[in-house]
Amino acid sequence: MISYTLGGGLGLLSRRYGYAADHVRGIDVVTADGRLRHVTAVSDPDLFWALRGGRDNFGVVTGIEIGLMPVATLYGGGLFFDYAQAREVLDTYTAWSAGMPEEMTSSWP
């Protein structure tokens, strides 16, 4: 969860709500000097930015405070088909996904 969230976090709700990293409010991190710090955009904007996708080596993240999205229903899962059905499945997927609302997220493995 931490690497997903701090690495950007492109998930099922991204088209409507943006990346998971955009909703991080605070981060608990142990920095290289051994200090446990609670970092926010106000308390330490540079470190906060760096921890939310600026890459590694800024410390060990031990906790994240994140804003939640108002989602009442979420459907997810995987569908698997035999290779012999590939053309039909791809054609159906292409037609189906073209008509979906902009906020709908769909992916092909």
N, C-alpha and C. Protein backbone atom coordinates (compact mmCIF):
# COMPACT_ATOMS: atom_id res chain seq x y z
N MET A 1 0.82 -1.19 0.00
CA MET A 1 0.00 0.00 0.00
C MET A 1 0.86 1.26 0.00
N ILE A 2 1.93 1.27 0.76
CA ILE A 2 2.76 2.46 0.83
C ILE A 2 3.43 2.74 -0.52
N SER A 3 4.02 1.72 -1.15
CA SER A 3 4.69 1.97 -2.43
C SER A 3 3.69 2.35 -3.50
N TYR A 4 2.49 1.77 -3.48
CA TYR A 4 1.45 2.15 -4.42
C TYR A 4 1.07 3.62 -4.24
N THR A 5 0.82 4.02 -3.01
CA THR A 5 0.36 5.38 -2.74
C THR A 5 1.45 6.41 -3.00
N LEU A 6 2.65 6.18 -2.51
CA LEU A 6 3.72 7.17 -2.68
C LEU A 6 4.34 7.13 -4.06
N GLY A 7 4.18 6.04 -4.77
CA GLY A 7 4.71 5.93 -6.13
C GLY A 7 3.78 6.51 -7.17
N GLY A 8 2.70 7.10 -6.77
CA GLY A 8 1.73 7.68 -7.69
C GLY A 8 0.36 7.14 -7.40
N GLY A 9 0.19 5.84 -7.65
CA GLY A 9 -1.07 5.19 -7.34
C GLY A 9 -2.13 5.37 -8.39
N LEU A 10 -1.94 4.77 -9.53
CA LEU A 10 -2.94 4.81 -10.60
C LEU A 10 -3.84 3.60 -10.42
N GLY A 11 -5.03 3.84 -9.89
CA GLY A 11 -5.92 2.74 -9.56
C GLY A 11 -7.29 2.86 -10.20
N LEU A 12 -8.23 2.10 -9.68
CA LEU A 12 -9.57 2.05 -10.25
C LEU A 12 -10.31 3.38 -10.23
N LEU A 13 -9.98 4.26 -9.29
CA LEU A 13 -10.69 5.53 -9.16
C LEU A 13 -9.91 6.71 -9.74
N SER A 14 -8.80 6.46 -10.39
CA SER A 14 -7.91 7.52 -10.85
C SER A 14 -8.53 8.46 -11.86
N ARG A 15 -9.34 7.95 -12.75
CA ARG A 15 -9.91 8.82 -13.78
C ARG A 15 -10.87 9.85 -13.19
N ARG A 16 -11.48 9.51 -12.08
CA ARG A 16 -12.39 10.46 -11.45
C ARG A 16 -11.70 11.29 -10.37
N TYR A 17 -10.82 10.68 -9.57
CA TYR A 17 -10.26 11.35 -8.39
C TYR A 17 -8.76 11.63 -8.47
N GLY A 18 -8.09 11.20 -9.52
CA GLY A 18 -6.65 11.45 -9.63
C GLY A 18 -5.83 10.34 -8.98
N TYR A 19 -4.55 10.57 -8.92
CA TYR A 19 -3.62 9.60 -8.35
C TYR A 19 -3.76 9.52 -6.83
N ALA A 20 -3.43 8.38 -6.27
CA ALA A 20 -3.49 8.20 -4.82
C ALA A 20 -2.56 9.19 -4.11
N ALA A 21 -1.39 9.45 -4.69
CA ALA A 21 -0.43 10.37 -4.07
C ALA A 21 -1.00 11.77 -3.91
N ASP A 22 -1.96 12.14 -4.76
CA ASP A 22 -2.58 13.47 -4.67
C ASP A 22 -3.43 13.64 -3.42
N HIS A 23 -3.78 12.54 -2.76
CA HIS A 23 -4.67 12.59 -1.61
C HIS A 23 -3.96 12.33 -0.28
N VAL A 24 -2.64 12.24 -0.33
CA VAL A 24 -1.86 12.05 0.91
C VAL A 24 -1.87 13.37 1.69
N ARG A 25 -2.23 13.28 2.97
CA ARG A 25 -2.28 14.46 3.84
C ARG A 25 -1.07 14.56 4.76
N GLY A 26 -0.55 13.41 5.16
CA GLY A 26 0.59 13.40 6.08
C GLY A 26 1.32 12.08 5.98
N ILE A 27 2.62 12.11 6.29
CA ILE A 27 3.45 10.92 6.20
C ILE A 27 4.31 10.83 7.46
N ASP A 28 4.30 9.65 8.08
CA ASP A 28 5.22 9.38 9.19
C ASP A 28 6.43 8.69 8.59
N VAL A 29 7.61 9.24 8.85
CA VAL A 29 8.83 8.72 8.23
C VAL A 29 9.97 8.76 9.24
N VAL A 30 10.81 7.74 9.18
CA VAL A 30 12.07 7.75 9.94
C VAL A 30 13.14 8.18 8.95
N THR A 31 13.73 9.33 9.20
CA THR A 31 14.74 9.87 8.29
C THR A 31 16.11 9.24 8.56
N ALA A 32 17.06 9.52 7.69
CA ALA A 32 18.39 8.90 7.78
C ALA A 32 19.09 9.19 9.11
N ASP A 33 18.73 10.30 9.76
CA ASP A 33 19.35 10.62 11.05
C ASP A 33 18.66 9.91 12.22
N GLY A 34 17.69 9.01 11.91
CA GLY A 34 17.03 8.22 12.95
C GLY A 34 15.84 8.90 13.61
N ARG A 35 15.46 10.07 13.11
CA ARG A 35 14.34 10.81 13.70
C ARG A 35 13.01 10.36 13.10
N LEU A 36 12.01 10.16 13.94
CA LEU A 36 10.66 9.91 13.47
C LEU A 36 9.99 11.26 13.27
N ARG A 37 9.50 11.49 12.08
CA ARG A 37 8.90 12.79 11.75
C ARG A 37 7.52 12.59 11.14
N HIS A 38 6.63 13.51 11.42
CA HIS A 38 5.33 13.57 10.75
C HIS A 38 5.42 14.73 9.76
N VAL A 39 5.40 14.41 8.48
CA VAL A 39 5.64 15.38 7.41
C VAL A 39 4.33 15.70 6.70
N THR A 40 4.08 17.00 6.51
CA THR A 40 2.92 17.45 5.74
C THR A 40 3.38 18.49 4.73
N ALA A 41 2.48 18.92 3.88
CA ALA A 41 2.79 19.96 2.90
C ALA A 41 3.13 21.28 3.58
N VAL A 42 2.62 21.48 4.79
CA VAL A 42 2.87 22.72 5.52
C VAL A 42 4.15 22.62 6.35
N SER A 43 4.33 21.50 7.04
CA SER A 43 5.47 21.37 7.96
C SER A 43 6.81 21.22 7.25
N ASP A 44 6.83 20.55 6.11
CA ASP A 44 8.08 20.31 5.38
C ASP A 44 7.76 20.03 3.91
N PRO A 45 7.44 21.09 3.15
CA PRO A 45 6.96 20.89 1.78
C PRO A 45 7.94 20.16 0.86
N ASP A 46 9.24 20.38 1.01
CA ASP A 46 10.20 19.71 0.13
C ASP A 46 10.26 18.20 0.39
N LEU A 47 10.33 17.81 1.65
CA LEU A 47 10.36 16.39 1.98
C LEU A 47 9.02 15.73 1.65
N PHE A 48 7.92 16.42 1.89
CA PHE A 48 6.60 15.91 1.55
C PHE A 48 6.51 15.63 0.05
N TRP A 49 6.97 16.56 -0.77
CA TRP A 49 6.99 16.37 -2.22
C TRP A 49 7.87 15.17 -2.59
N ALA A 50 9.05 15.10 -2.01
CA ALA A 50 9.99 14.03 -2.34
C ALA A 50 9.44 12.66 -1.98
N LEU A 51 8.77 12.56 -0.86
CA LEU A 51 8.21 11.27 -0.43
C LEU A 51 7.04 10.84 -1.30
N ARG A 52 6.35 11.80 -1.92
CA ARG A 52 5.20 11.47 -2.77
C ARG A 52 5.60 11.33 -4.23
N GLY A 53 6.62 10.58 -4.51
CA GLY A 53 6.97 10.28 -5.90
C GLY A 53 8.32 10.78 -6.34
N GLY A 54 9.04 11.45 -5.47
CA GLY A 54 10.35 11.96 -5.83
C GLY A 54 11.44 10.89 -5.84
N ARG A 55 11.07 9.67 -5.60
CA ARG A 55 11.92 8.47 -5.59
C ARG A 55 12.33 8.08 -4.19
N ASP A 56 13.44 7.33 -4.08
CA ASP A 56 13.80 6.65 -2.83
C ASP A 56 14.81 7.44 -1.99
N ASN A 57 15.18 6.79 -0.90
CA ASN A 57 16.29 7.22 -0.05
C ASN A 57 16.04 8.49 0.76
N PHE A 58 14.79 8.77 1.05
CA PHE A 58 14.49 9.92 1.90
C PHE A 58 14.14 9.48 3.31
N GLY A 59 14.00 8.18 3.52
CA GLY A 59 13.68 7.63 4.82
C GLY A 59 12.79 6.42 4.68
N VAL A 60 12.40 5.87 5.83
CA VAL A 60 11.51 4.71 5.85
C VAL A 60 10.14 5.18 6.29
N VAL A 61 9.17 5.03 5.42
CA VAL A 61 7.80 5.46 5.72
C VAL A 61 7.14 4.41 6.60
N THR A 62 6.59 4.86 7.72
CA THR A 62 5.94 3.95 8.66
C THR A 62 4.43 4.16 8.73
N GLY A 63 3.93 5.23 8.14
CA GLY A 63 2.49 5.47 8.15
C GLY A 63 2.11 6.58 7.19
N ILE A 64 0.87 6.53 6.73
CA ILE A 64 0.36 7.53 5.80
C ILE A 64 -1.05 7.93 6.23
N GLU A 65 -1.32 9.22 6.21
CA GLU A 65 -2.68 9.74 6.38
C GLU A 65 -3.16 10.12 4.99
N ILE A 66 -4.30 9.56 4.58
CA ILE A 66 -4.78 9.78 3.22
C ILE A 66 -6.27 10.09 3.23
N GLY A 67 -6.67 11.02 2.35
CA GLY A 67 -8.09 11.34 2.21
C GLY A 67 -8.81 10.24 1.46
N LEU A 68 -10.00 9.90 1.90
CA LEU A 68 -10.78 8.84 1.28
C LEU A 68 -11.76 9.42 0.29
N MET A 69 -12.22 8.60 -0.63
CA MET A 69 -13.16 9.02 -1.66
C MET A 69 -14.56 8.52 -1.31
N PRO A 70 -15.58 9.29 -1.66
CA PRO A 70 -16.97 8.90 -1.34
C PRO A 70 -17.51 7.89 -2.36
N VAL A 71 -17.15 6.64 -2.21
CA VAL A 71 -17.55 5.61 -3.15
C VAL A 71 -18.51 4.65 -2.46
N ALA A 72 -19.72 4.55 -3.00
CA ALA A 72 -20.72 3.66 -2.42
C ALA A 72 -20.59 2.23 -2.95
N THR A 73 -20.25 2.10 -4.23
CA THR A 73 -20.16 0.79 -4.87
C THR A 73 -18.94 0.74 -5.76
N LEU A 74 -18.24 -0.37 -5.71
CA LEU A 74 -17.06 -0.56 -6.55
C LEU A 74 -17.06 -1.99 -7.06
N TYR A 75 -16.91 -2.14 -8.36
CA TYR A 75 -16.84 -3.47 -8.96
C TYR A 75 -15.42 -3.69 -9.44
N GLY A 76 -14.89 -4.86 -9.21
CA GLY A 76 -13.54 -5.16 -9.66
C GLY A 76 -13.35 -6.65 -9.80
N GLY A 77 -12.27 -7.01 -10.42
CA GLY A 77 -11.97 -8.41 -10.59
C GLY A 77 -11.33 -8.65 -11.94
N GLY A 78 -11.13 -9.89 -12.25
CA GLY A 78 -10.51 -10.25 -13.52
C GLY A 78 -11.38 -11.20 -14.30
N LEU A 79 -11.30 -11.09 -15.61
CA LEU A 79 -11.97 -12.01 -16.51
C LEU A 79 -10.88 -12.69 -17.33
N PHE A 80 -10.98 -13.99 -17.48
CA PHE A 80 -9.98 -14.75 -18.22
C PHE A 80 -10.67 -15.56 -19.30
N PHE A 81 -10.09 -15.54 -20.49
CA PHE A 81 -10.69 -16.21 -21.64
C PHE A 81 -9.66 -17.10 -22.31
N ASP A 82 -10.16 -18.10 -23.00
CA ASP A 82 -9.32 -18.98 -23.79
C ASP A 82 -8.74 -18.21 -24.98
N TYR A 83 -7.53 -18.52 -25.34
CA TYR A 83 -6.87 -17.84 -26.46
C TYR A 83 -7.69 -17.92 -27.74
N ALA A 84 -8.41 -19.00 -27.95
CA ALA A 84 -9.21 -19.16 -29.17
C ALA A 84 -10.29 -18.08 -29.29
N GLN A 85 -10.65 -17.45 -28.18
CA GLN A 85 -11.67 -16.40 -28.19
C GLN A 85 -11.07 -15.00 -28.27
N ALA A 86 -9.77 -14.89 -28.47
CA ALA A 86 -9.08 -13.60 -28.38
C ALA A 86 -9.68 -12.53 -29.28
N ARG A 87 -9.91 -12.82 -30.55
CA ARG A 87 -10.45 -11.80 -31.46
C ARG A 87 -11.81 -11.31 -31.00
N GLU A 88 -12.70 -12.21 -30.65
CA GLU A 88 -14.04 -11.83 -30.20
C GLU A 88 -13.97 -11.03 -28.90
N VAL A 89 -13.13 -11.46 -27.97
CA VAL A 89 -12.98 -10.76 -26.69
C VAL A 89 -12.43 -9.36 -26.90
N LEU A 90 -11.39 -9.21 -27.72
CA LEU A 90 -10.82 -7.89 -27.97
C LEU A 90 -11.80 -6.97 -28.68
N ASP A 91 -12.52 -7.48 -29.66
CA ASP A 91 -13.52 -6.66 -30.35
C ASP A 91 -14.62 -6.21 -29.40
N THR A 92 -15.09 -7.12 -28.55
CA THR A 92 -16.14 -6.79 -27.59
C THR A 92 -15.63 -5.78 -26.57
N TYR A 93 -14.42 -5.97 -26.07
CA TYR A 93 -13.83 -5.04 -25.10
C TYR A 93 -13.69 -3.65 -25.70
N THR A 94 -13.21 -3.57 -26.93
CA THR A 94 -13.02 -2.29 -27.61
C THR A 94 -14.35 -1.56 -27.76
N ALA A 95 -15.38 -2.25 -28.18
CA ALA A 95 -16.70 -1.64 -28.34
C ALA A 95 -17.28 -1.21 -27.00
N TRP A 96 -17.14 -2.08 -25.99
CA TRP A 96 -17.68 -1.77 -24.67
C TRP A 96 -16.98 -0.57 -24.04
N SER A 97 -15.66 -0.54 -24.07
CA SER A 97 -14.92 0.54 -23.40
C SER A 97 -15.09 1.88 -24.11
N ALA A 98 -15.37 1.89 -25.40
CA ALA A 98 -15.56 3.15 -26.13
C ALA A 98 -16.81 3.90 -25.66
N GLY A 99 -17.81 3.19 -25.16
CA GLY A 99 -19.04 3.83 -24.74
C GLY A 99 -19.13 4.14 -23.26
N MET A 100 -18.08 3.88 -22.51
CA MET A 100 -18.12 4.10 -21.06
C MET A 100 -17.94 5.58 -20.72
N PRO A 101 -18.47 6.01 -19.58
CA PRO A 101 -18.26 7.40 -19.14
C PRO A 101 -16.76 7.68 -18.91
N GLU A 102 -16.38 8.94 -19.00
CA GLU A 102 -14.98 9.35 -18.87
C GLU A 102 -14.35 8.89 -17.55
N GLU A 103 -15.12 8.85 -16.46
CA GLU A 103 -14.55 8.47 -15.16
C GLU A 103 -14.43 6.96 -14.97
N MET A 104 -14.92 6.18 -15.89
CA MET A 104 -14.82 4.72 -15.81
C MET A 104 -13.40 4.28 -16.09
N THR A 105 -12.87 3.40 -15.25
CA THR A 105 -11.54 2.88 -15.45
C THR A 105 -11.64 1.42 -15.88
N SER A 106 -10.93 1.12 -16.92
CA SER A 106 -10.89 -0.24 -17.43
C SER A 106 -9.47 -0.50 -17.90
N SER A 107 -9.01 -1.72 -17.76
CA SER A 107 -7.64 -2.00 -18.19
C SER A 107 -7.58 -3.36 -18.85
N TRP A 108 -6.65 -3.49 -19.73
CA TRP A 108 -6.39 -4.75 -20.41
C TRP A 108 -5.00 -5.17 -19.96
N PRO A 109 -4.86 -6.39 -19.48
CA PRO A 109 -3.56 -6.80 -18.92
C PRO A 109 -2.41 -6.72 -19.89
